[in-house]
Amino acid sequence: MNDMTLSLGGAIILALDIYAIYNILSSKASSLSKVIWTIVILLLPIFGFIMWLLLGPRGVK
């Protein structure tokens, strides 16, 4: 893999994590839940995003 591919992959992961964090912060979940999910996403970017997709709080509809 070249550097361009790695950079593109990192940019995609960053964009998905920012999207997840935005949705977490705009959800009606408790403050503690928001903090925990945000920390999980920041510490485990790929795995945390997948966990959030399956289990996380949803944004305001």
N, C-alpha and C. Protein backbone atom coordinates (compact mmCIF):
# COMPACT_ATOMS: atom_id res chain seq x y z
N MET A 1 0.84 -1.19 0.00
CA MET A 1 0.00 0.00 0.00
C MET A 1 0.88 1.24 0.00
N ASN A 2 0.45 2.23 -0.72
CA ASN A 2 1.22 3.46 -0.74
C ASN A 2 0.66 4.47 0.27
N ASP A 3 1.36 5.56 0.42
CA ASP A 3 0.97 6.57 1.41
C ASP A 3 -0.39 7.20 1.10
N MET A 4 -0.72 7.33 -0.18
CA MET A 4 -1.99 7.94 -0.57
C MET A 4 -3.16 7.09 -0.09
N THR A 5 -3.04 5.78 -0.22
CA THR A 5 -4.11 4.87 0.21
C THR A 5 -4.28 4.95 1.72
N LEU A 6 -3.19 4.96 2.45
CA LEU A 6 -3.25 5.04 3.90
C LEU A 6 -3.86 6.37 4.35
N SER A 7 -3.51 7.45 3.67
CA SER A 7 -4.05 8.77 4.02
C SER A 7 -5.55 8.83 3.74
N LEU A 8 -5.98 8.26 2.65
CA LEU A 8 -7.40 8.24 2.30
C LEU A 8 -8.18 7.42 3.32
N GLY A 9 -7.64 6.28 3.71
CA GLY A 9 -8.29 5.46 4.73
C GLY A 9 -8.41 6.19 6.05
N GLY A 10 -7.36 6.88 6.45
CA GLY A 10 -7.38 7.64 7.69
C GLY A 10 -8.38 8.77 7.64
N ALA A 11 -8.49 9.42 6.49
CA ALA A 11 -9.45 10.52 6.33
C ALA A 11 -10.89 10.00 6.41
N ILE A 12 -11.14 8.84 5.85
CA ILE A 12 -12.47 8.25 5.90
C ILE A 12 -12.83 7.89 7.34
N ILE A 13 -11.91 7.27 8.05
CA ILE A 13 -12.15 6.91 9.46
C ILE A 13 -12.39 8.16 10.29
N LEU A 14 -11.60 9.21 10.07
CA LEU A 14 -11.78 10.46 10.79
C LEU A 14 -13.16 11.05 10.52
N ALA A 15 -13.58 11.06 9.27
CA ALA A 15 -14.89 11.61 8.92
C ALA A 15 -16.02 10.81 9.58
N LEU A 16 -15.91 9.49 9.58
CA LEU A 16 -16.93 8.65 10.22
C LEU A 16 -16.97 8.87 11.72
N ASP A 17 -15.81 9.03 12.34
CA ASP A 17 -15.76 9.27 13.78
C ASP A 17 -16.35 10.64 14.14
N ILE A 18 -16.08 11.64 13.34
CA ILE A 18 -16.66 12.97 13.57
C ILE A 18 -18.18 12.90 13.43
N TYR A 19 -18.67 12.18 12.43
CA TYR A 19 -20.10 11.99 12.26
C TYR A 19 -20.71 11.30 13.48
N ALA A 20 -20.06 10.26 13.98
CA ALA A 20 -20.57 9.53 15.14
C ALA A 20 -20.60 10.43 16.38
N ILE A 21 -19.53 11.17 16.60
CA ILE A 21 -19.46 12.05 17.77
C ILE A 21 -20.54 13.14 17.69
N TYR A 22 -20.75 13.69 16.51
CA TYR A 22 -21.81 14.69 16.35
C TYR A 22 -23.17 14.09 16.71
N ASN A 23 -23.44 12.89 16.22
CA ASN A 23 -24.71 12.24 16.52
C ASN A 23 -24.84 11.89 17.99
N ILE A 24 -23.75 11.51 18.60
CA ILE A 24 -23.78 11.21 20.04
C ILE A 24 -24.14 12.47 20.82
N LEU A 25 -23.48 13.56 20.51
CA LEU A 25 -23.70 14.80 21.26
C LEU A 25 -25.09 15.40 21.00
N SER A 26 -25.70 15.09 19.86
CA SER A 26 -27.02 15.62 19.57
C SER A 26 -28.14 14.67 19.97
N SER A 27 -27.80 13.54 20.58
CA SER A 27 -28.82 12.58 21.00
C SER A 27 -29.44 13.02 22.33
N LYS A 28 -30.50 12.33 22.70
CA LYS A 28 -31.17 12.62 23.96
C LYS A 28 -30.65 11.76 25.10
N ALA A 29 -29.53 11.11 24.90
CA ALA A 29 -28.94 10.25 25.93
C ALA A 29 -28.43 11.10 27.10
N SER A 30 -28.16 10.44 28.21
CA SER A 30 -27.65 11.15 29.38
C SER A 30 -26.25 11.69 29.11
N SER A 31 -25.84 12.65 29.89
CA SER A 31 -24.52 13.25 29.73
C SER A 31 -23.42 12.22 29.94
N LEU A 32 -23.59 11.35 30.92
CA LEU A 32 -22.59 10.31 31.17
C LEU A 32 -22.46 9.39 29.98
N SER A 33 -23.57 8.99 29.39
CA SER A 33 -23.55 8.13 28.22
C SER A 33 -22.84 8.80 27.05
N LYS A 34 -23.10 10.08 26.86
CA LYS A 34 -22.45 10.83 25.79
C LYS A 34 -20.94 10.87 25.98
N VAL A 35 -20.50 11.11 27.22
CA VAL A 35 -19.07 11.18 27.51
C VAL A 35 -18.42 9.82 27.27
N ILE A 36 -19.05 8.76 27.74
CA ILE A 36 -18.48 7.42 27.58
C ILE A 36 -18.37 7.05 26.11
N TRP A 37 -19.42 7.27 25.34
CA TRP A 37 -19.37 6.94 23.92
C TRP A 37 -18.32 7.77 23.18
N THR A 38 -18.20 9.04 23.51
CA THR A 38 -17.20 9.88 22.87
C THR A 38 -15.80 9.39 23.17
N ILE A 39 -15.54 9.01 24.41
CA ILE A 39 -14.22 8.49 24.79
C ILE A 39 -13.93 7.19 24.06
N VAL A 40 -14.93 6.32 23.97
CA VAL A 40 -14.75 5.04 23.26
C VAL A 40 -14.39 5.30 21.80
N ILE A 41 -15.08 6.22 21.16
CA ILE A 41 -14.80 6.55 19.75
C ILE A 41 -13.39 7.12 19.59
N LEU A 42 -12.98 7.99 20.52
CA LEU A 42 -11.67 8.61 20.41
C LEU A 42 -10.53 7.62 20.67
N LEU A 43 -10.74 6.69 21.59
CA LEU A 43 -9.68 5.73 21.93
C LEU A 43 -9.61 4.56 20.96
N LEU A 44 -10.76 4.15 20.42
CA LEU A 44 -10.83 3.01 19.50
C LEU A 44 -11.57 3.44 18.24
N PRO A 45 -10.93 4.18 17.35
CA PRO A 45 -11.65 4.81 16.24
C PRO A 45 -12.46 3.85 15.37
N ILE A 46 -11.90 2.75 14.95
CA ILE A 46 -12.63 1.84 14.06
C ILE A 46 -13.62 0.99 14.86
N PHE A 47 -13.13 0.31 15.87
CA PHE A 47 -13.97 -0.57 16.68
C PHE A 47 -15.03 0.23 17.42
N GLY A 48 -14.67 1.41 17.92
CA GLY A 48 -15.63 2.25 18.62
C GLY A 48 -16.75 2.71 17.70
N PHE A 49 -16.42 3.04 16.46
CA PHE A 49 -17.45 3.45 15.49
C PHE A 49 -18.41 2.30 15.21
N ILE A 50 -17.87 1.11 15.04
CA ILE A 50 -18.71 -0.06 14.78
C ILE A 50 -19.61 -0.35 15.98
N MET A 51 -19.04 -0.26 17.17
CA MET A 51 -19.86 -0.46 18.38
C MET A 51 -20.97 0.57 18.46
N TRP A 52 -20.64 1.84 18.16
CA TRP A 52 -21.64 2.89 18.20
C TRP A 52 -22.76 2.63 17.18
N LEU A 53 -22.39 2.16 15.98
CA LEU A 53 -23.41 1.86 14.97
C LEU A 53 -24.39 0.81 15.47
N LEU A 54 -23.88 -0.17 16.19
CA LEU A 54 -24.73 -1.27 16.65
C LEU A 54 -25.46 -0.97 17.95
N LEU A 55 -24.81 -0.24 18.88
CA LEU A 55 -25.34 -0.10 20.24
C LEU A 55 -25.57 1.31 20.72
N GLY A 56 -25.06 2.29 20.01
CA GLY A 56 -25.02 3.65 20.53
C GLY A 56 -26.34 4.40 20.50
N PRO A 57 -26.36 5.56 21.19
CA PRO A 57 -27.55 6.41 21.18
C PRO A 57 -27.77 7.02 19.81
N ARG A 58 -29.02 7.28 19.50
CA ARG A 58 -29.36 7.86 18.20
C ARG A 58 -29.58 9.35 18.33
N GLY A 59 -29.37 10.08 17.24
CA GLY A 59 -29.56 11.52 17.21
C GLY A 59 -31.03 11.91 17.28
N VAL A 60 -31.28 13.17 17.45
CA VAL A 60 -32.64 13.71 17.50
C VAL A 60 -33.26 13.62 16.11
N LYS A 61 -34.45 13.10 16.04
CA LYS A 61 -35.13 12.95 14.74
C LYS A 61 -36.08 14.10 14.52
